[in-house]
């Protein structure tokens, strides 16, 4: 879990630790160190952090071959900010998926089609 807010890490970590091994990082730099020591099954990633933000860290993850699923989370203050952030996440996802045969919201079909993006 990568989140600069100690309270968020604490609450989420306590909720998950009974069923999962939780590794906490307060920054993207700390998360890189944690990744050197273990390979997570899932990364909970805060979008808005001081220094390197969540999108930059997500880009680094994918460019460096880390393929663990990433759940981007944030406590954004307005719906407008949340929609703008979601648009950036989708744009990054599509950019990183261009070379792979991976379904995206704008291209839901591929030979590896995901059940999340079935055509109607």
N, C-alpha and C. Protein backbone atom coordinates (compact mmCIF):
# COMPACT_ATOMS: atom_id res chain seq x y z
N UNK A 1 0.85 -1.16 0.00
CA UNK A 1 0.00 0.00 0.00
C UNK A 1 0.90 1.23 0.00
N UNK A 2 0.67 2.11 -0.96
CA UNK A 2 1.47 3.32 -1.09
C UNK A 2 0.55 4.52 -0.86
N UNK A 3 0.76 5.20 0.27
CA UNK A 3 -0.07 6.35 0.62
C UNK A 3 0.72 7.24 1.57
N UNK A 4 0.74 8.54 1.28
CA UNK A 4 1.48 9.46 2.14
C UNK A 4 0.76 9.77 3.45
N UNK A 5 -0.52 9.46 3.54
CA UNK A 5 -1.31 9.74 4.74
C UNK A 5 -1.20 8.56 5.72
N UNK A 6 -0.57 8.82 6.86
CA UNK A 6 -0.37 7.76 7.86
C UNK A 6 -1.70 7.18 8.34
N UNK A 7 -2.71 8.02 8.52
CA UNK A 7 -4.01 7.53 8.99
C UNK A 7 -4.66 6.60 7.97
N UNK A 8 -4.52 6.91 6.71
CA UNK A 8 -5.08 6.05 5.65
C UNK A 8 -4.36 4.70 5.64
N UNK A 9 -3.04 4.74 5.73
CA UNK A 9 -2.27 3.48 5.78
C UNK A 9 -2.66 2.66 7.00
N UNK A 10 -2.79 3.34 8.14
CA UNK A 10 -3.13 2.64 9.38
C UNK A 10 -4.50 1.96 9.26
N UNK A 11 -5.51 2.72 8.89
CA UNK A 11 -6.87 2.17 8.82
C UNK A 11 -7.00 1.06 7.80
N UNK A 12 -6.48 1.29 6.62
CA UNK A 12 -6.58 0.28 5.57
C UNK A 12 -5.75 -0.95 5.94
N UNK A 13 -4.57 -0.70 6.47
CA UNK A 13 -3.70 -1.81 6.85
C UNK A 13 -4.33 -2.69 7.92
N UNK A 14 -4.95 -2.06 8.94
CA UNK A 14 -5.58 -2.85 10.00
C UNK A 14 -6.77 -3.63 9.46
N UNK A 15 -7.49 -3.06 8.51
CA UNK A 15 -8.65 -3.76 7.94
C UNK A 15 -8.23 -4.97 7.11
N UNK A 16 -7.05 -4.91 6.51
CA UNK A 16 -6.61 -5.99 5.62
C UNK A 16 -5.68 -7.01 6.27
N UNK A 17 -5.01 -6.64 7.36
CA UNK A 17 -3.93 -7.47 7.89
C UNK A 17 -4.38 -8.82 8.45
N UNK A 18 -5.63 -8.99 8.77
CA UNK A 18 -6.08 -10.30 9.27
C UNK A 18 -6.11 -11.35 8.18
N UNK A 19 -6.27 -10.92 6.93
CA UNK A 19 -6.35 -11.86 5.82
C UNK A 19 -5.19 -11.75 4.85
N UNK A 20 -4.44 -10.65 4.89
CA UNK A 20 -3.38 -10.42 3.92
C UNK A 20 -2.12 -9.90 4.59
N UNK A 21 -0.99 -10.16 3.96
CA UNK A 21 0.25 -9.54 4.39
C UNK A 21 0.26 -8.14 3.78
N UNK A 22 0.37 -7.12 4.61
CA UNK A 22 0.31 -5.74 4.16
C UNK A 22 1.69 -5.11 4.34
N UNK A 23 2.21 -4.56 3.26
CA UNK A 23 3.46 -3.81 3.31
C UNK A 23 3.11 -2.36 3.01
N UNK A 24 3.51 -1.46 3.89
CA UNK A 24 3.16 -0.05 3.76
C UNK A 24 4.35 0.77 3.29
N UNK A 25 4.07 1.76 2.44
CA UNK A 25 5.08 2.71 1.98
C UNK A 25 4.46 4.10 1.99
N UNK A 26 5.20 5.08 2.51
CA UNK A 26 4.68 6.44 2.63
C UNK A 26 4.98 7.29 1.41
N UNK A 27 5.72 6.73 0.45
CA UNK A 27 6.07 7.49 -0.75
C UNK A 27 6.40 6.52 -1.87
N UNK A 28 6.50 7.07 -3.08
CA UNK A 28 6.90 6.25 -4.23
C UNK A 28 8.31 5.70 -4.02
N UNK A 29 9.19 6.51 -3.47
CA UNK A 29 10.57 6.06 -3.23
C UNK A 29 10.59 4.89 -2.25
N UNK A 30 9.81 4.98 -1.18
CA UNK A 30 9.74 3.88 -0.21
C UNK A 30 9.12 2.64 -0.84
N UNK A 31 8.15 2.84 -1.74
CA UNK A 31 7.53 1.70 -2.42
C UNK A 31 8.53 0.99 -3.33
N UNK A 32 9.40 1.74 -4.00
CA UNK A 32 10.43 1.11 -4.83
C UNK A 32 11.33 0.21 -3.98
N UNK A 33 11.70 0.69 -2.78
CA UNK A 33 12.52 -0.12 -1.87
C UNK A 33 11.78 -1.38 -1.46
N UNK A 34 10.48 -1.26 -1.16
CA UNK A 34 9.69 -2.42 -0.76
C UNK A 34 9.57 -3.42 -1.91
N UNK A 35 9.44 -2.92 -3.13
CA UNK A 35 9.33 -3.81 -4.30
C UNK A 35 10.61 -4.59 -4.53
N UNK A 36 11.74 -4.03 -4.13
CA UNK A 36 13.01 -4.74 -4.28
C UNK A 36 13.06 -5.94 -3.35
N UNK A 37 12.29 -5.90 -2.25
CA UNK A 37 12.32 -6.97 -1.27
C UNK A 37 11.20 -8.00 -1.45
N UNK A 38 10.10 -7.63 -2.10
CA UNK A 38 9.00 -8.57 -2.28
C UNK A 38 8.17 -8.19 -3.50
N UNK A 39 7.47 -9.18 -4.03
CA UNK A 39 6.60 -8.97 -5.19
C UNK A 39 5.15 -9.04 -4.73
N UNK A 40 4.44 -7.92 -4.70
CA UNK A 40 3.06 -7.94 -4.19
C UNK A 40 2.09 -8.57 -5.19
N UNK A 41 0.99 -9.07 -4.64
CA UNK A 41 -0.10 -9.59 -5.47
C UNK A 41 -1.02 -8.46 -5.93
N UNK A 42 -1.02 -7.35 -5.19
CA UNK A 42 -1.86 -6.19 -5.49
C UNK A 42 -1.21 -4.96 -4.87
N UNK A 43 -1.31 -3.84 -5.56
CA UNK A 43 -0.79 -2.58 -5.03
C UNK A 43 -1.96 -1.60 -4.89
N UNK A 44 -2.16 -1.10 -3.67
CA UNK A 44 -3.10 -0.02 -3.42
C UNK A 44 -2.28 1.26 -3.51
N UNK A 45 -2.63 2.14 -4.43
CA UNK A 45 -1.79 3.30 -4.74
C UNK A 45 -2.58 4.59 -4.63
N UNK A 46 -2.13 5.47 -3.75
CA UNK A 46 -2.74 6.80 -3.62
C UNK A 46 -2.39 7.60 -4.86
N UNK A 47 -3.33 8.32 -5.36
CA UNK A 47 -3.13 9.13 -6.56
C UNK A 47 -2.39 10.43 -6.25
N UNK A 48 -2.78 11.08 -5.17
CA UNK A 48 -2.23 12.40 -4.84
C UNK A 48 -1.25 12.27 -3.68
N UNK A 49 0.04 12.44 -3.97
CA UNK A 49 1.09 12.38 -2.95
C UNK A 49 2.09 13.49 -3.24
N UNK A 50 2.72 14.02 -2.21
CA UNK A 50 3.77 15.02 -2.45
C UNK A 50 4.97 14.35 -3.12
N UNK A 51 5.75 15.13 -3.82
CA UNK A 51 6.88 14.54 -4.54
C UNK A 51 6.35 13.82 -5.77
N UNK A 52 6.66 12.57 -5.89
CA UNK A 52 6.18 11.79 -7.03
C UNK A 52 4.75 11.34 -6.78
N UNK A 53 3.84 11.66 -7.70
CA UNK A 53 2.44 11.27 -7.52
C UNK A 53 2.20 9.83 -7.96
N UNK A 54 0.99 9.37 -7.70
CA UNK A 54 0.64 7.99 -8.01
C UNK A 54 0.73 7.63 -9.48
N UNK A 55 0.34 8.56 -10.36
CA UNK A 55 0.41 8.26 -11.80
C UNK A 55 1.84 8.10 -12.26
N UNK A 56 2.74 8.92 -11.78
CA UNK A 56 4.14 8.78 -12.15
C UNK A 56 4.70 7.45 -11.66
N UNK A 57 4.32 7.09 -10.44
CA UNK A 57 4.78 5.81 -9.91
C UNK A 57 4.19 4.64 -10.70
N UNK A 58 2.93 4.74 -11.07
CA UNK A 58 2.30 3.69 -11.88
C UNK A 58 3.02 3.54 -13.22
N UNK A 59 3.35 4.65 -13.84
CA UNK A 59 4.09 4.60 -15.11
C UNK A 59 5.44 3.90 -14.89
N UNK A 60 6.14 4.24 -13.82
CA UNK A 60 7.43 3.61 -13.51
C UNK A 60 7.25 2.11 -13.31
N UNK A 61 6.18 1.72 -12.59
CA UNK A 61 5.93 0.29 -12.37
C UNK A 61 5.86 -0.46 -13.69
N UNK A 62 5.03 0.03 -14.59
CA UNK A 62 4.80 -0.67 -15.85
C UNK A 62 6.03 -0.62 -16.76
N UNK A 63 6.70 0.50 -16.79
CA UNK A 63 7.90 0.62 -17.63
C UNK A 63 9.03 -0.29 -17.14
N UNK A 64 8.97 -0.67 -15.87
CA UNK A 64 10.01 -1.52 -15.29
C UNK A 64 9.55 -2.96 -15.10
N UNK A 65 8.48 -3.33 -15.77
CA UNK A 65 8.06 -4.73 -15.81
C UNK A 65 7.26 -5.23 -14.62
N UNK A 66 6.86 -4.37 -13.72
CA UNK A 66 6.02 -4.81 -12.59
C UNK A 66 4.59 -4.92 -13.09
N UNK A 67 4.04 -6.13 -13.02
CA UNK A 67 2.72 -6.37 -13.59
C UNK A 67 1.63 -6.62 -12.57
N UNK A 68 1.92 -6.40 -11.29
CA UNK A 68 0.88 -6.59 -10.26
C UNK A 68 -0.28 -5.65 -10.54
N UNK A 69 -1.50 -6.12 -10.29
CA UNK A 69 -2.65 -5.21 -10.44
C UNK A 69 -2.50 -4.03 -9.49
N UNK A 70 -2.96 -2.87 -9.94
CA UNK A 70 -2.88 -1.65 -9.14
C UNK A 70 -4.28 -1.09 -8.96
N UNK A 71 -4.65 -0.86 -7.72
CA UNK A 71 -5.91 -0.22 -7.40
C UNK A 71 -5.57 1.20 -6.98
N UNK A 72 -5.95 2.17 -7.81
CA UNK A 72 -5.66 3.58 -7.54
C UNK A 72 -6.75 4.12 -6.63
N UNK A 73 -6.34 4.69 -5.51
CA UNK A 73 -7.29 5.23 -4.54
C UNK A 73 -6.90 6.66 -4.22
N UNK A 74 -7.88 7.44 -3.79
CA UNK A 74 -7.58 8.79 -3.36
C UNK A 74 -8.79 9.38 -2.68
N UNK A 75 -8.55 10.32 -1.80
CA UNK A 75 -9.62 11.04 -1.13
C UNK A 75 -9.70 12.43 -1.74
N UNK A 76 -10.04 12.48 -3.02
CA UNK A 76 -10.13 13.77 -3.71
C UNK A 76 -11.33 14.55 -3.19
N UNK A 77 -11.18 15.86 -3.18
CA UNK A 77 -12.15 16.70 -2.51
C UNK A 77 -13.41 17.05 -3.31
N UNK A 78 -13.38 16.93 -4.63
CA UNK A 78 -14.57 17.26 -5.42
C UNK A 78 -14.76 16.23 -6.53
N UNK A 79 -15.98 16.16 -7.02
CA UNK A 79 -16.28 15.25 -8.12
C UNK A 79 -15.48 15.65 -9.36
N UNK A 80 -15.34 16.95 -9.59
CA UNK A 80 -14.59 17.42 -10.76
C UNK A 80 -13.14 16.93 -10.69
N UNK A 81 -12.51 17.05 -9.54
CA UNK A 81 -11.13 16.59 -9.38
C UNK A 81 -11.05 15.09 -9.59
N UNK A 82 -12.02 14.35 -9.07
CA UNK A 82 -12.02 12.89 -9.22
C UNK A 82 -12.16 12.50 -10.69
N UNK A 83 -13.04 13.17 -11.42
CA UNK A 83 -13.23 12.87 -12.85
C UNK A 83 -11.96 13.19 -13.63
N UNK A 84 -11.32 14.31 -13.33
CA UNK A 84 -10.06 14.65 -14.01
C UNK A 84 -8.99 13.60 -13.72
N UNK A 85 -8.90 13.16 -12.47
CA UNK A 85 -7.91 12.14 -12.10
C UNK A 85 -8.20 10.83 -12.80
N UNK A 86 -9.47 10.43 -12.85
CA UNK A 86 -9.83 9.19 -13.53
C UNK A 86 -9.47 9.26 -15.01
N UNK A 87 -9.70 10.42 -15.63
CA UNK A 87 -9.32 10.59 -17.03
C UNK A 87 -7.83 10.40 -17.24
N UNK A 88 -7.01 10.88 -16.31
CA UNK A 88 -5.56 10.70 -16.41
C UNK A 88 -5.18 9.23 -16.24
N UNK A 89 -5.86 8.53 -15.33
CA UNK A 89 -5.57 7.10 -15.14
C UNK A 89 -5.90 6.33 -16.41
N UNK A 90 -7.06 6.59 -17.00
CA UNK A 90 -7.45 5.89 -18.22
C UNK A 90 -6.48 6.22 -19.36
N UNK A 91 -6.10 7.48 -19.49
CA UNK A 91 -5.15 7.86 -20.54
C UNK A 91 -3.81 7.15 -20.35
N UNK A 92 -3.33 7.07 -19.11
CA UNK A 92 -2.08 6.37 -18.85
C UNK A 92 -2.22 4.89 -19.16
N UNK A 93 -3.33 4.30 -18.78
CA UNK A 93 -3.58 2.89 -19.04
C UNK A 93 -3.54 2.62 -20.54
N UNK A 94 -4.21 3.45 -21.30
CA UNK A 94 -4.24 3.26 -22.74
C UNK A 94 -2.86 3.45 -23.35
N UNK A 95 -2.10 4.43 -22.87
CA UNK A 95 -0.75 4.65 -23.35
C UNK A 95 0.13 3.43 -23.08
N UNK A 96 0.07 2.91 -21.87
CA UNK A 96 0.89 1.76 -21.52
C UNK A 96 0.43 0.47 -22.19
N UNK A 97 -0.83 0.43 -22.63
CA UNK A 97 -1.37 -0.77 -23.25
C UNK A 97 -1.23 -0.78 -24.77
N UNK A 98 -0.77 0.32 -25.37
CA UNK A 98 -0.70 0.41 -26.83
C UNK A 98 0.09 -0.72 -27.45
N UNK A 99 1.24 -1.04 -26.89
CA UNK A 99 2.08 -2.06 -27.50
C UNK A 99 1.63 -3.46 -27.15
N UNK A 100 0.87 -3.61 -26.06
CA UNK A 100 0.37 -4.93 -25.67
C UNK A 100 -1.00 -5.15 -26.28
N UNK A 101 -1.36 -6.40 -26.43
CA UNK A 101 -2.69 -6.72 -26.94
C UNK A 101 -3.62 -6.79 -25.74
N UNK A 102 -3.87 -5.64 -25.15
CA UNK A 102 -4.62 -5.54 -23.90
C UNK A 102 -5.88 -4.73 -24.14
N UNK A 103 -7.03 -5.20 -23.66
CA UNK A 103 -8.24 -4.41 -23.82
C UNK A 103 -8.18 -3.13 -23.00
N UNK A 104 -8.73 -2.07 -23.53
CA UNK A 104 -8.81 -0.78 -22.85
C UNK A 104 -10.23 -0.27 -23.00
N UNK A 105 -10.62 0.75 -22.27
CA UNK A 105 -11.98 1.26 -22.40
C UNK A 105 -12.35 1.67 -23.83
N UNK A 106 -11.40 2.20 -24.59
CA UNK A 106 -11.73 2.61 -25.95
C UNK A 106 -11.55 1.49 -26.97
N UNK A 107 -10.90 0.39 -26.59
CA UNK A 107 -10.72 -0.76 -27.47
C UNK A 107 -10.92 -2.03 -26.66
N UNK A 108 -12.18 -2.40 -26.41
CA UNK A 108 -12.45 -3.49 -25.49
C UNK A 108 -12.20 -4.89 -26.05
N UNK A 109 -11.82 -5.01 -27.30
CA UNK A 109 -11.59 -6.35 -27.85
C UNK A 109 -10.11 -6.57 -28.11
N UNK A 110 -9.67 -7.77 -27.87
CA UNK A 110 -8.33 -8.20 -28.18
C UNK A 110 -8.31 -9.70 -28.05
N UNK A 111 -7.22 -10.32 -28.43
CA UNK A 111 -7.17 -11.78 -28.30
C UNK A 111 -7.12 -12.18 -26.84
N UNK A 112 -6.77 -11.27 -25.96
CA UNK A 112 -6.75 -11.52 -24.52
C UNK A 112 -7.88 -10.75 -23.85
N UNK A 113 -9.05 -10.74 -24.45
CA UNK A 113 -10.15 -9.89 -23.97
C UNK A 113 -10.48 -10.14 -22.51
N UNK A 114 -10.73 -9.07 -21.81
CA UNK A 114 -11.04 -9.12 -20.39
C UNK A 114 -12.55 -9.14 -20.20
N UNK A 115 -13.04 -9.85 -19.18
CA UNK A 115 -14.50 -9.83 -18.91
C UNK A 115 -14.98 -8.45 -18.46
N UNK A 116 -14.07 -7.56 -18.09
CA UNK A 116 -14.48 -6.24 -17.66
C UNK A 116 -14.89 -5.35 -18.82
N UNK A 117 -14.50 -5.71 -20.03
CA UNK A 117 -14.76 -4.85 -21.18
C UNK A 117 -15.41 -5.64 -22.31
N UNK A 118 -16.49 -6.30 -22.03
CA UNK A 118 -17.21 -7.06 -23.06
C UNK A 118 -18.02 -6.11 -23.91
N UNK A 119 -18.02 -6.37 -25.21
CA UNK A 119 -18.85 -5.56 -26.08
C UNK A 119 -20.29 -5.99 -25.94
N UNK A 120 -21.18 -5.02 -26.14
CA UNK A 120 -22.62 -5.32 -26.04
C UNK A 120 -23.15 -5.68 -27.39
